[in-house]
């Protein structure tokens, strides 16, 4: 549990980056958000 706590926190912070990127890109417009979503989908496989 002592080792897991910072690892869990790190995974949640990674989620925070994704959420913040989505919100801030979404403020530019639907097309920009769609382009970012499309790009992230393409890069998801090599990242996994």
ModelCIF file with pLDDT and N, C-alpha, C, O atoms, coordinates in Angstrom:
data_MODEL
#
_entry.id   MODEL 
#
_entity.id                         1 
_entity.type                       polymer 
_entity.pdbx_number_of_molecules   1 
#
_entity_poly.entity_id                      1 
_entity_poly.type                           'polypeptide(L)' 
_entity_poly.nstd_linkage                   no 
_entity_poly.nstd_monomer                   no 
_entity_poly.pdbx_seq_one_letter_code       
;(UNK)(UNK)(UNK)(UNK)(UNK)(UNK)(UNK)(UNK)(UNK)(UNK)(UNK)(UNK)(UNK)(UNK)(UNK)(UNK)
(UNK)(UNK)(UNK)(UNK)(UNK)(UNK)(UNK)(UNK)(UNK)(UNK)(UNK)(UNK)(UNK)(UNK)(UNK)(UNK)
(UNK)(UNK)(UNK)(UNK)(UNK)(UNK)(UNK)(UNK)(UNK)(UNK)(UNK)(UNK)(UNK)(UNK)(UNK)(UNK)
;
_entity_poly.pdbx_seq_one_letter_code_can   XXXXXXXXXXXXXXXXXXXXXXXXXXXXXXXXXXXXXXXXXXXXXXXX 
_entity_poly.pdbx_strand_id                 A 
#
loop_
_entity_poly_seq.entity_id 
_entity_poly_seq.num 
_entity_poly_seq.mon_id 
_entity_poly_seq.hetero 
1 1  UNK n 
1 2  UNK n 
1 3  UNK n 
1 4  UNK n 
1 5  UNK n 
1 6  UNK n 
1 7  UNK n 
1 8  UNK n 
1 9  UNK n 
1 10 UNK n 
1 11 UNK n 
1 12 UNK n 
1 13 UNK n 
1 14 UNK n 
1 15 UNK n 
1 16 UNK n 
1 17 UNK n 
1 18 UNK n 
1 19 UNK n 
1 20 UNK n 
1 21 UNK n 
1 22 UNK n 
1 23 UNK n 
1 24 UNK n 
1 25 UNK n 
1 26 UNK n 
1 27 UNK n 
1 28 UNK n 
1 29 UNK n 
1 30 UNK n 
1 31 UNK n 
1 32 UNK n 
1 33 UNK n 
1 34 UNK n 
1 35 UNK n 
1 36 UNK n 
1 37 UNK n 
1 38 UNK n 
1 39 UNK n 
1 40 UNK n 
1 41 UNK n 
1 42 UNK n 
1 43 UNK n 
1 44 UNK n 
1 45 UNK n 
1 46 UNK n 
1 47 UNK n 
1 48 UNK n 
#
_struct_asym.id          A 
_struct_asym.entity_id   1 
#
loop_
_ma_qa_metric.id 
_ma_qa_metric.mode 
_ma_qa_metric.name 
_ma_qa_metric.software_group_id 
_ma_qa_metric.type 
1 global pLDDT . pLDDT 
2 local  pLDDT . pLDDT 
#
_ma_qa_metric_global.metric_id      1 
_ma_qa_metric_global.metric_value   81.00 
_ma_qa_metric_global.model_id       1 
_ma_qa_metric_global.ordinal_id     1 
#
loop_
_ma_qa_metric_local.label_asym_id 
_ma_qa_metric_local.label_comp_id 
_ma_qa_metric_local.label_seq_id 
_ma_qa_metric_local.metric_id 
_ma_qa_metric_local.metric_value 
_ma_qa_metric_local.model_id 
_ma_qa_metric_local.ordinal_id 
A UNK 1  2 92.00 1 1  
A UNK 2  2 93.00 1 2  
A UNK 3  2 92.00 1 3  
A UNK 4  2 92.00 1 4  
A UNK 5  2 92.00 1 5  
A UNK 6  2 92.00 1 6  
A UNK 7  2 91.00 1 7  
A UNK 8  2 91.00 1 8  
A UNK 9  2 88.00 1 9  
A UNK 10 2 86.00 1 10 
A UNK 11 2 85.00 1 11 
A UNK 12 2 85.00 1 12 
A UNK 13 2 83.00 1 13 
A UNK 14 2 78.00 1 14 
A UNK 15 2 78.00 1 15 
A UNK 16 2 77.00 1 16 
A UNK 17 2 77.00 1 17 
A UNK 18 2 73.00 1 18 
A UNK 19 2 71.00 1 19 
A UNK 20 2 74.00 1 20 
A UNK 21 2 76.00 1 21 
A UNK 22 2 69.00 1 22 
A UNK 23 2 71.00 1 23 
A UNK 24 2 78.00 1 24 
A UNK 25 2 76.00 1 25 
A UNK 26 2 70.00 1 26 
A UNK 27 2 72.00 1 27 
A UNK 28 2 75.00 1 28 
A UNK 29 2 75.00 1 29 
A UNK 30 2 70.00 1 30 
A UNK 31 2 78.00 1 31 
A UNK 32 2 81.00 1 32 
A UNK 33 2 74.00 1 33 
A UNK 34 2 75.00 1 34 
A UNK 35 2 80.00 1 35 
A UNK 36 2 81.00 1 36 
A UNK 37 2 74.00 1 37 
A UNK 38 2 80.00 1 38 
A UNK 39 2 84.00 1 39 
A UNK 40 2 81.00 1 40 
A UNK 41 2 76.00 1 41 
A UNK 42 2 84.00 1 42 
A UNK 43 2 87.00 1 43 
A UNK 44 2 82.00 1 44 
A UNK 45 2 84.00 1 45 
A UNK 46 2 89.00 1 46 
A UNK 47 2 89.00 1 47 
A UNK 48 2 87.00 1 48 
#
loop_
_atom_site.group_PDB 
_atom_site.id 
_atom_site.type_symbol 
_atom_site.label_atom_id 
_atom_site.label_alt_id 
_atom_site.label_comp_id 
_atom_site.label_asym_id 
_atom_site.label_entity_id 
_atom_site.label_seq_id 
_atom_site.pdbx_PDB_ins_code 
_atom_site.Cartn_x 
_atom_site.Cartn_y 
_atom_site.Cartn_z 
_atom_site.occupancy 
_atom_site.B_iso_or_equiv 
_atom_site.pdbx_formal_charge 
_atom_site.auth_seq_id 
_atom_site.auth_comp_id 
_atom_site.auth_asym_id 
_atom_site.auth_atom_id 
_atom_site.pdbx_PDB_model_num 
ATOM 1   N N  . UNK A 1 1  ? 0.826   -1.203 0.000   1.00 92.00 ? 1  UNK A N  1 
ATOM 2   C CA . UNK A 1 1  ? 0.000   0.000  0.000   1.00 92.00 ? 1  UNK A CA 1 
ATOM 3   C C  . UNK A 1 1  ? 0.866   1.261  0.000   1.00 92.00 ? 1  UNK A C  1 
ATOM 4   O O  . UNK A 1 1  ? 0.538   2.246  -0.661  1.00 92.00 ? 1  UNK A O  1 
ATOM 5   N N  . UNK A 1 2  ? 1.970   1.223  0.743   1.00 93.00 ? 2  UNK A N  1 
ATOM 6   C CA . UNK A 1 2  ? 2.882   2.371  0.786   1.00 93.00 ? 2  UNK A CA 1 
ATOM 7   C C  . UNK A 1 2  ? 3.433   2.680  -0.606  1.00 93.00 ? 2  UNK A C  1 
ATOM 8   O O  . UNK A 1 2  ? 3.570   3.844  -0.980  1.00 93.00 ? 2  UNK A O  1 
ATOM 9   N N  . UNK A 1 3  ? 3.749   1.636  -1.367  1.00 92.00 ? 3  UNK A N  1 
ATOM 10  C CA . UNK A 1 3  ? 4.247   1.826  -2.731  1.00 92.00 ? 3  UNK A CA 1 
ATOM 11  C C  . UNK A 1 3  ? 3.122   2.208  -3.680  1.00 92.00 ? 3  UNK A C  1 
ATOM 12  O O  . UNK A 1 3  ? 3.330   2.989  -4.608  1.00 92.00 ? 3  UNK A O  1 
ATOM 13  N N  . UNK A 1 4  ? 1.918   1.655  -3.450  1.00 92.00 ? 4  UNK A N  1 
ATOM 14  C CA . UNK A 1 4  ? 0.811   1.873  -4.381  1.00 92.00 ? 4  UNK A CA 1 
ATOM 15  C C  . UNK A 1 4  ? 0.278   3.303  -4.339  1.00 92.00 ? 4  UNK A C  1 
ATOM 16  O O  . UNK A 1 4  ? -0.161  3.822  -5.366  1.00 92.00 ? 4  UNK A O  1 
ATOM 17  N N  . UNK A 1 5  ? 0.308   3.946  -3.184  1.00 92.00 ? 5  UNK A N  1 
ATOM 18  C CA . UNK A 1 5  ? -0.313  5.270  -3.051  1.00 92.00 ? 5  UNK A CA 1 
ATOM 19  C C  . UNK A 1 5  ? 0.254   6.298  -4.027  1.00 92.00 ? 5  UNK A C  1 
ATOM 20  O O  . UNK A 1 5  ? -0.526  6.953  -4.718  1.00 92.00 ? 5  UNK A O  1 
ATOM 21  N N  . UNK A 1 6  ? 1.575   6.472  -4.116  1.00 92.00 ? 6  UNK A N  1 
ATOM 22  C CA . UNK A 1 6  ? 2.083   7.427  -5.115  1.00 92.00 ? 6  UNK A CA 1 
ATOM 23  C C  . UNK A 1 6  ? 1.837   6.980  -6.548  1.00 92.00 ? 6  UNK A C  1 
ATOM 24  O O  . UNK A 1 6  ? 1.694   7.817  -7.440  1.00 92.00 ? 6  UNK A O  1 
ATOM 25  N N  . UNK A 1 7  ? 1.786   5.672  -6.782  1.00 91.00 ? 7  UNK A N  1 
ATOM 26  C CA . UNK A 1 7  ? 1.521   5.190  -8.139  1.00 91.00 ? 7  UNK A CA 1 
ATOM 27  C C  . UNK A 1 7  ? 0.082   5.485  -8.542  1.00 91.00 ? 7  UNK A C  1 
ATOM 28  O O  . UNK A 1 7  ? -0.183  5.864  -9.683  1.00 91.00 ? 7  UNK A O  1 
ATOM 29  N N  . UNK A 1 8  ? -0.848  5.311  -7.604  1.00 91.00 ? 8  UNK A N  1 
ATOM 30  C CA . UNK A 1 8  ? -2.249  5.666  -7.867  1.00 91.00 ? 8  UNK A CA 1 
ATOM 31  C C  . UNK A 1 8  ? -2.359  7.166  -8.128  1.00 91.00 ? 8  UNK A C  1 
ATOM 32  O O  . UNK A 1 8  ? -3.038  7.595  -9.060  1.00 91.00 ? 8  UNK A O  1 
ATOM 33  N N  . UNK A 1 9  ? -1.686  7.953  -7.297  1.00 88.00 ? 9  UNK A N  1 
ATOM 34  C CA . UNK A 1 9  ? -1.720  9.409  -7.456  1.00 88.00 ? 9  UNK A CA 1 
ATOM 35  C C  . UNK A 1 9  ? -1.163  9.816  -8.813  1.00 88.00 ? 9  UNK A C  1 
ATOM 36  O O  . UNK A 1 9  ? -1.679  10.731 -9.455  1.00 88.00 ? 9  UNK A O  1 
ATOM 37  N N  . UNK A 1 10 ? -0.102  9.128  -9.251  1.00 86.00 ? 10 UNK A N  1 
ATOM 38  C CA . UNK A 1 10 ? 0.486   9.426  -10.556 1.00 86.00 ? 10 UNK A CA 1 
ATOM 39  C C  . UNK A 1 10 ? -0.465  9.121  -11.697 1.00 86.00 ? 10 UNK A C  1 
ATOM 40  O O  . UNK A 1 10 ? -0.542  9.882  -12.661 1.00 86.00 ? 10 UNK A O  1 
ATOM 41  N N  . UNK A 1 11 ? -1.200  8.003  -11.596 1.00 85.00 ? 11 UNK A N  1 
ATOM 42  C CA . UNK A 1 11 ? -2.162  7.663  -12.642 1.00 85.00 ? 11 UNK A CA 1 
ATOM 43  C C  . UNK A 1 11 ? -3.304  8.675  -12.690 1.00 85.00 ? 11 UNK A C  1 
ATOM 44  O O  . UNK A 1 11 ? -3.778  9.033  -13.768 1.00 85.00 ? 11 UNK A O  1 
ATOM 45  N N  . UNK A 1 12 ? -3.742  9.134  -11.517 1.00 85.00 ? 12 UNK A N  1 
ATOM 46  C CA . UNK A 1 12 ? -4.809  10.132 -11.471 1.00 85.00 ? 12 UNK A CA 1 
ATOM 47  C C  . UNK A 1 12 ? -4.337  11.466 -12.048 1.00 85.00 ? 12 UNK A C  1 
ATOM 48  O O  . UNK A 1 12 ? -5.107  12.173 -12.699 1.00 85.00 ? 12 UNK A O  1 
ATOM 49  N N  . UNK A 1 13 ? -3.066  11.809 -11.807 1.00 83.00 ? 13 UNK A N  1 
ATOM 50  C CA . UNK A 1 13 ? -2.541  13.058 -12.380 1.00 83.00 ? 13 UNK A CA 1 
ATOM 51  C C  . UNK A 1 13 ? -2.463  12.964 -13.895 1.00 83.00 ? 13 UNK A C  1 
ATOM 52  O O  . UNK A 1 13 ? -2.665  13.958 -14.593 1.00 83.00 ? 13 UNK A O  1 
ATOM 53  N N  . UNK A 1 14 ? -2.170  11.766 -14.409 1.00 78.00 ? 14 UNK A N  1 
ATOM 54  C CA . UNK A 1 14 ? -2.167  11.558 -15.860 1.00 78.00 ? 14 UNK A CA 1 
ATOM 55  C C  . UNK A 1 14 ? -3.571  11.784 -16.428 1.00 78.00 ? 14 UNK A C  1 
ATOM 56  O O  . UNK A 1 14 ? -3.729  12.375 -17.496 1.00 78.00 ? 14 UNK A O  1 
ATOM 57  N N  . UNK A 1 15 ? -4.591  11.306 -15.702 1.00 78.00 ? 15 UNK A N  1 
ATOM 58  C CA . UNK A 1 15 ? -5.975  11.547 -16.109 1.00 78.00 ? 15 UNK A CA 1 
ATOM 59  C C  . UNK A 1 15 ? -6.277  13.044 -16.109 1.00 78.00 ? 15 UNK A C  1 
ATOM 60  O O  . UNK A 1 15 ? -6.982  13.546 -16.985 1.00 78.00 ? 15 UNK A O  1 
ATOM 61  N N  . UNK A 1 16 ? -5.729  13.758 -15.106 1.00 77.00 ? 16 UNK A N  1 
ATOM 62  C CA . UNK A 1 16 ? -5.961  15.196 -15.004 1.00 77.00 ? 16 UNK A CA 1 
ATOM 63  C C  . UNK A 1 16 ? -5.435  15.924 -16.240 1.00 77.00 ? 16 UNK A C  1 
ATOM 64  O O  . UNK A 1 16 ? -6.075  16.853 -16.733 1.00 77.00 ? 16 UNK A O  1 
ATOM 65  N N  . UNK A 1 17 ? -4.274  15.507 -16.739 1.00 77.00 ? 17 UNK A N  1 
ATOM 66  C CA . UNK A 1 17 ? -3.720  16.132 -17.945 1.00 77.00 ? 17 UNK A CA 1 
ATOM 67  C C  . UNK A 1 17 ? -4.657  15.939 -19.129 1.00 77.00 ? 17 UNK A C  1 
ATOM 68  O O  . UNK A 1 17 ? -4.890  16.876 -19.894 1.00 77.00 ? 17 UNK A O  1 
ATOM 69  N N  . UNK A 1 18 ? -5.193  14.736 -19.288 1.00 73.00 ? 18 UNK A N  1 
ATOM 70  C CA . UNK A 1 18 ? -6.113  14.471 -20.391 1.00 73.00 ? 18 UNK A CA 1 
ATOM 71  C C  . UNK A 1 18 ? -7.381  15.302 -20.298 1.00 73.00 ? 18 UNK A C  1 
ATOM 72  O O  . UNK A 1 18 ? -7.861  15.838 -21.297 1.00 73.00 ? 18 UNK A O  1 
ATOM 73  N N  . UNK A 1 19 ? -7.927  15.403 -19.071 1.00 71.00 ? 19 UNK A N  1 
ATOM 74  C CA . UNK A 1 19 ? -9.158  16.181 -18.879 1.00 71.00 ? 19 UNK A CA 1 
ATOM 75  C C  . UNK A 1 19 ? -8.906  17.659 -19.159 1.00 71.00 ? 19 UNK A C  1 
ATOM 76  O O  . UNK A 1 19 ? -9.702  18.309 -19.837 1.00 71.00 ? 19 UNK A O  1 
ATOM 77  N N  . UNK A 1 20 ? -7.794  18.194 -18.636 1.00 74.00 ? 20 UNK A N  1 
ATOM 78  C CA . UNK A 1 20 ? -7.504  19.618 -18.824 1.00 74.00 ? 20 UNK A CA 1 
ATOM 79  C C  . UNK A 1 20 ? -7.260  19.938 -20.297 1.00 74.00 ? 20 UNK A C  1 
ATOM 80  O O  . UNK A 1 20 ? -7.707  20.974 -20.790 1.00 74.00 ? 20 UNK A O  1 
ATOM 81  N N  . UNK A 1 21 ? -6.551  19.049 -21.002 1.00 76.00 ? 21 UNK A N  1 
ATOM 82  C CA . UNK A 1 21 ? -6.327  19.261 -22.438 1.00 76.00 ? 21 UNK A CA 1 
ATOM 83  C C  . UNK A 1 21 ? -7.651  19.296 -23.195 1.00 76.00 ? 21 UNK A C  1 
ATOM 84  O O  . UNK A 1 21 ? -7.859  20.140 -24.066 1.00 76.00 ? 21 UNK A O  1 
ATOM 85  N N  . UNK A 1 22 ? -8.556  18.354 -22.847 1.00 69.00 ? 22 UNK A N  1 
ATOM 86  C CA . UNK A 1 22 ? -9.852  18.290 -23.525 1.00 69.00 ? 22 UNK A CA 1 
ATOM 87  C C  . UNK A 1 22 ? -10.650 19.571 -23.305 1.00 69.00 ? 22 UNK A C  1 
ATOM 88  O O  . UNK A 1 22 ? -11.215 20.130 -24.245 1.00 69.00 ? 22 UNK A O  1 
ATOM 89  N N  . UNK A 1 23 ? -10.690 20.031 -22.051 1.00 71.00 ? 23 UNK A N  1 
ATOM 90  C CA . UNK A 1 23 ? -11.469 21.228 -21.728 1.00 71.00 ? 23 UNK A CA 1 
ATOM 91  C C  . UNK A 1 23 ? -10.898 22.450 -22.439 1.00 71.00 ? 23 UNK A C  1 
ATOM 92  O O  . UNK A 1 23 ? -11.648 23.248 -23.002 1.00 71.00 ? 23 UNK A O  1 
ATOM 93  N N  . UNK A 1 24 ? -9.558  22.602 -22.416 1.00 78.00 ? 24 UNK A N  1 
ATOM 94  C CA . UNK A 1 24 ? -8.947  23.811 -22.957 1.00 78.00 ? 24 UNK A CA 1 
ATOM 95  C C  . UNK A 1 24 ? -8.945  23.816 -24.487 1.00 78.00 ? 24 UNK A C  1 
ATOM 96  O O  . UNK A 1 24 ? -9.093  24.874 -25.098 1.00 78.00 ? 24 UNK A O  1 
ATOM 97  N N  . UNK A 1 25 ? -8.781  22.666 -25.101 1.00 76.00 ? 25 UNK A N  1 
ATOM 98  C CA . UNK A 1 25 ? -8.874  22.601 -26.562 1.00 76.00 ? 25 UNK A CA 1 
ATOM 99  C C  . UNK A 1 25 ? -10.323 22.787 -26.994 1.00 76.00 ? 25 UNK A C  1 
ATOM 100 O O  . UNK A 1 25 ? -10.594 23.402 -28.025 1.00 76.00 ? 25 UNK A O  1 
ATOM 101 N N  . UNK A 1 26 ? -11.260 22.249 -26.197 1.00 70.00 ? 26 UNK A N  1 
ATOM 102 C CA . UNK A 1 26 ? -12.679 22.407 -26.507 1.00 70.00 ? 26 UNK A CA 1 
ATOM 103 C C  . UNK A 1 26 ? -13.112 23.858 -26.541 1.00 70.00 ? 26 UNK A C  1 
ATOM 104 O O  . UNK A 1 26 ? -14.061 24.213 -27.241 1.00 70.00 ? 26 UNK A O  1 
ATOM 105 N N  . UNK A 1 27 ? -12.410 24.709 -25.776 1.00 72.00 ? 27 UNK A N  1 
ATOM 106 C CA . UNK A 1 27 ? -12.771 26.132 -25.769 1.00 72.00 ? 27 UNK A CA 1 
ATOM 107 C C  . UNK A 1 27 ? -12.415 26.813 -27.081 1.00 72.00 ? 27 UNK A C  1 
ATOM 108 O O  . UNK A 1 27 ? -12.931 27.890 -27.380 1.00 72.00 ? 27 UNK A O  1 
ATOM 109 N N  . UNK A 1 28 ? -11.529 26.190 -27.876 1.00 75.00 ? 28 UNK A N  1 
ATOM 110 C CA . UNK A 1 28 ? -11.165 26.760 -29.180 1.00 75.00 ? 28 UNK A CA 1 
ATOM 111 C C  . UNK A 1 28 ? -12.266 26.498 -30.204 1.00 75.00 ? 28 UNK A C  1 
ATOM 112 O O  . UNK A 1 28 ? -12.555 27.349 -31.046 1.00 75.00 ? 28 UNK A O  1 
ATOM 113 N N  . UNK A 1 29 ? -12.877 25.319 -30.127 1.00 75.00 ? 29 UNK A N  1 
ATOM 114 C CA . UNK A 1 29 ? -13.935 24.991 -31.071 1.00 75.00 ? 29 UNK A CA 1 
ATOM 115 C C  . UNK A 1 29 ? -14.080 23.493 -31.244 1.00 75.00 ? 29 UNK A C  1 
ATOM 116 O O  . UNK A 1 29 ? -13.199 22.717 -30.873 1.00 75.00 ? 29 UNK A O  1 
ATOM 117 N N  . UNK A 1 30 ? -15.214 23.099 -31.816 1.00 70.00 ? 30 UNK A N  1 
ATOM 118 C CA . UNK A 1 30 ? -15.516 21.673 -31.987 1.00 70.00 ? 30 UNK A CA 1 
ATOM 119 C C  . UNK A 1 30 ? -14.541 21.016 -32.957 1.00 70.00 ? 30 UNK A C  1 
ATOM 120 O O  . UNK A 1 30 ? -14.133 19.873 -32.749 1.00 70.00 ? 30 UNK A O  1 
ATOM 121 N N  . UNK A 1 31 ? -14.165 21.734 -34.021 1.00 78.00 ? 31 UNK A N  1 
ATOM 122 C CA . UNK A 1 31 ? -13.258 21.157 -35.024 1.00 78.00 ? 31 UNK A CA 1 
ATOM 123 C C  . UNK A 1 31 ? -11.896 20.861 -34.399 1.00 78.00 ? 31 UNK A C  1 
ATOM 124 O O  . UNK A 1 31 ? -11.323 19.797 -34.632 1.00 78.00 ? 31 UNK A O  1 
ATOM 125 N N  . UNK A 1 32 ? -11.377 21.800 -33.605 1.00 81.00 ? 32 UNK A N  1 
ATOM 126 C CA . UNK A 1 32 ? -10.081 21.584 -32.951 1.00 81.00 ? 32 UNK A CA 1 
ATOM 127 C C  . UNK A 1 32 ? -10.144 20.406 -31.984 1.00 81.00 ? 32 UNK A C  1 
ATOM 128 O O  . UNK A 1 32 ? -9.217  19.599 -31.909 1.00 81.00 ? 32 UNK A O  1 
ATOM 129 N N  . UNK A 1 33 ? -11.256 20.320 -31.242 1.00 74.00 ? 33 UNK A N  1 
ATOM 130 C CA . UNK A 1 33 ? -11.410 19.193 -30.312 1.00 74.00 ? 33 UNK A CA 1 
ATOM 131 C C  . UNK A 1 33 ? -11.491 17.879 -31.082 1.00 74.00 ? 33 UNK A C  1 
ATOM 132 O O  . UNK A 1 33 ? -10.923 16.872 -30.658 1.00 74.00 ? 33 UNK A O  1 
ATOM 133 N N  . UNK A 1 34 ? -12.198 17.887 -32.217 1.00 75.00 ? 34 UNK A N  1 
ATOM 134 C CA . UNK A 1 34 ? -12.282 16.677 -33.033 1.00 75.00 ? 34 UNK A CA 1 
ATOM 135 C C  . UNK A 1 34 ? -10.924 16.272 -33.579 1.00 75.00 ? 34 UNK A C  1 
ATOM 136 O O  . UNK A 1 34 ? -10.597 15.086 -33.614 1.00 75.00 ? 34 UNK A O  1 
ATOM 137 N N  . UNK A 1 35 ? -10.122 17.257 -34.010 1.00 80.00 ? 35 UNK A N  1 
ATOM 138 C CA . UNK A 1 35 ? -8.784  16.958 -34.526 1.00 80.00 ? 35 UNK A CA 1 
ATOM 139 C C  . UNK A 1 35 ? -7.891  16.376 -33.435 1.00 80.00 ? 35 UNK A C  1 
ATOM 140 O O  . UNK A 1 35 ? -7.146  15.427 -33.680 1.00 80.00 ? 35 UNK A O  1 
ATOM 141 N N  . UNK A 1 36 ? -7.967  16.949 -32.219 1.00 81.00 ? 36 UNK A N  1 
ATOM 142 C CA . UNK A 1 36 ? -7.164  16.439 -31.104 1.00 81.00 ? 36 UNK A CA 1 
ATOM 143 C C  . UNK A 1 36 ? -7.596  15.034 -30.727 1.00 81.00 ? 36 UNK A C  1 
ATOM 144 O O  . UNK A 1 36 ? -6.756  14.180 -30.444 1.00 81.00 ? 36 UNK A O  1 
ATOM 145 N N  . UNK A 1 37 ? -8.908  14.785 -30.720 1.00 74.00 ? 37 UNK A N  1 
ATOM 146 C CA . UNK A 1 37 ? -9.425  13.452 -30.389 1.00 74.00 ? 37 UNK A CA 1 
ATOM 147 C C  . UNK A 1 37 ? -8.967  12.427 -31.425 1.00 74.00 ? 37 UNK A C  1 
ATOM 148 O O  . UNK A 1 37 ? -8.550  11.324 -31.072 1.00 74.00 ? 37 UNK A O  1 
ATOM 149 N N  . UNK A 1 38 ? -9.047  12.795 -32.698 1.00 80.00 ? 38 UNK A N  1 
ATOM 150 C CA . UNK A 1 38 ? -8.607  11.911 -33.785 1.00 80.00 ? 38 UNK A CA 1 
ATOM 151 C C  . UNK A 1 38 ? -7.116  11.590 -33.640 1.00 80.00 ? 38 UNK A C  1 
ATOM 152 O O  . UNK A 1 38 ? -6.709  10.433 -33.755 1.00 80.00 ? 38 UNK A O  1 
ATOM 153 N N  . UNK A 1 39 ? -6.310  12.621 -33.388 1.00 84.00 ? 39 UNK A N  1 
ATOM 154 C CA . UNK A 1 39 ? -4.863  12.417 -33.236 1.00 84.00 ? 39 UNK A CA 1 
ATOM 155 C C  . UNK A 1 39 ? -4.556  11.536 -32.028 1.00 84.00 ? 39 UNK A C  1 
ATOM 156 O O  . UNK A 1 39 ? -3.725  10.632 -32.114 1.00 84.00 ? 39 UNK A O  1 
ATOM 157 N N  . UNK A 1 40 ? -5.218  11.794 -30.914 1.00 81.00 ? 40 UNK A N  1 
ATOM 158 C CA . UNK A 1 40 ? -4.970  10.995 -29.710 1.00 81.00 ? 40 UNK A CA 1 
ATOM 159 C C  . UNK A 1 40 ? -5.388  9.543  -29.908 1.00 81.00 ? 40 UNK A C  1 
ATOM 160 O O  . UNK A 1 40 ? -4.763  8.631  -29.366 1.00 81.00 ? 40 UNK A O  1 
ATOM 161 N N  . UNK A 1 41 ? -6.450  9.331  -30.690 1.00 76.00 ? 41 UNK A N  1 
ATOM 162 C CA . UNK A 1 41 ? -6.876  7.957  -30.991 1.00 76.00 ? 41 UNK A CA 1 
ATOM 163 C C  . UNK A 1 41 ? -5.796  7.226  -31.782 1.00 76.00 ? 41 UNK A C  1 
ATOM 164 O O  . UNK A 1 41 ? -5.499  6.061  -31.515 1.00 76.00 ? 41 UNK A O  1 
ATOM 165 N N  . UNK A 1 42 ? -5.207  7.926  -32.768 1.00 84.00 ? 42 UNK A N  1 
ATOM 166 C CA . UNK A 1 42 ? -4.150  7.308  -33.574 1.00 84.00 ? 42 UNK A CA 1 
ATOM 167 C C  . UNK A 1 42 ? -2.911  6.997  -32.730 1.00 84.00 ? 42 UNK A C  1 
ATOM 168 O O  . UNK A 1 42 ? -2.246  5.986  -32.958 1.00 84.00 ? 42 UNK A O  1 
ATOM 169 N N  . UNK A 1 43 ? -2.599  7.854  -31.763 1.00 87.00 ? 43 UNK A N  1 
ATOM 170 C CA . UNK A 1 43 ? -1.400  7.663  -30.953 1.00 87.00 ? 43 UNK A CA 1 
ATOM 171 C C  . UNK A 1 43 ? -1.628  6.736  -29.761 1.00 87.00 ? 43 UNK A C  1 
ATOM 172 O O  . UNK A 1 43 ? -0.675  6.330  -29.095 1.00 87.00 ? 43 UNK A O  1 
ATOM 173 N N  . UNK A 1 44 ? -2.892  6.401  -29.494 1.00 82.00 ? 44 UNK A N  1 
ATOM 174 C CA . UNK A 1 44 ? -3.191  5.565  -28.322 1.00 82.00 ? 44 UNK A CA 1 
ATOM 175 C C  . UNK A 1 44 ? -2.565  4.184  -28.447 1.00 82.00 ? 44 UNK A C  1 
ATOM 176 O O  . UNK A 1 44 ? -2.046  3.640  -27.473 1.00 82.00 ? 44 UNK A O  1 
ATOM 177 N N  . UNK A 1 45 ? -2.617  3.617  -29.655 1.00 84.00 ? 45 UNK A N  1 
ATOM 178 C CA . UNK A 1 45 ? -2.092  2.250  -29.831 1.00 84.00 ? 45 UNK A CA 1 
ATOM 179 C C  . UNK A 1 45 ? -0.582  2.184  -29.576 1.00 84.00 ? 45 UNK A C  1 
ATOM 180 O O  . UNK A 1 45 ? -0.150  1.338  -28.793 1.00 84.00 ? 45 UNK A O  1 
ATOM 181 N N  . UNK A 1 46 ? 0.255   3.051  -30.211 1.00 89.00 ? 46 UNK A N  1 
ATOM 182 C CA . UNK A 1 46 ? 1.689   2.974  -29.905 1.00 89.00 ? 46 UNK A CA 1 
ATOM 183 C C  . UNK A 1 46 ? 2.005   3.297  -28.449 1.00 89.00 ? 46 UNK A C  1 
ATOM 184 O O  . UNK A 1 46 ? 2.968   2.771  -27.892 1.00 89.00 ? 46 UNK A O  1 
ATOM 185 N N  . UNK A 1 47 ? 1.197   4.160  -27.827 1.00 89.00 ? 47 UNK A N  1 
ATOM 186 C CA . UNK A 1 47 ? 1.459   4.473  -26.420 1.00 89.00 ? 47 UNK A CA 1 
ATOM 187 C C  . UNK A 1 47 ? 1.169   3.264  -25.531 1.00 89.00 ? 47 UNK A C  1 
ATOM 188 O O  . UNK A 1 47 ? 1.933   2.970  -24.612 1.00 89.00 ? 47 UNK A O  1 
ATOM 189 N N  . UNK A 1 48 ? 0.071   2.567  -25.803 1.00 87.00 ? 48 UNK A N  1 
ATOM 190 C CA . UNK A 1 48 ? -0.255  1.359  -25.031 1.00 87.00 ? 48 UNK A CA 1 
ATOM 191 C C  . UNK A 1 48 ? 0.808   0.285  -25.253 1.00 87.00 ? 48 UNK A C  1 
ATOM 192 O O  . UNK A 1 48 ? 0.712   -0.805 -24.690 1.00 87.00 ? 48 UNK A O  1 
#
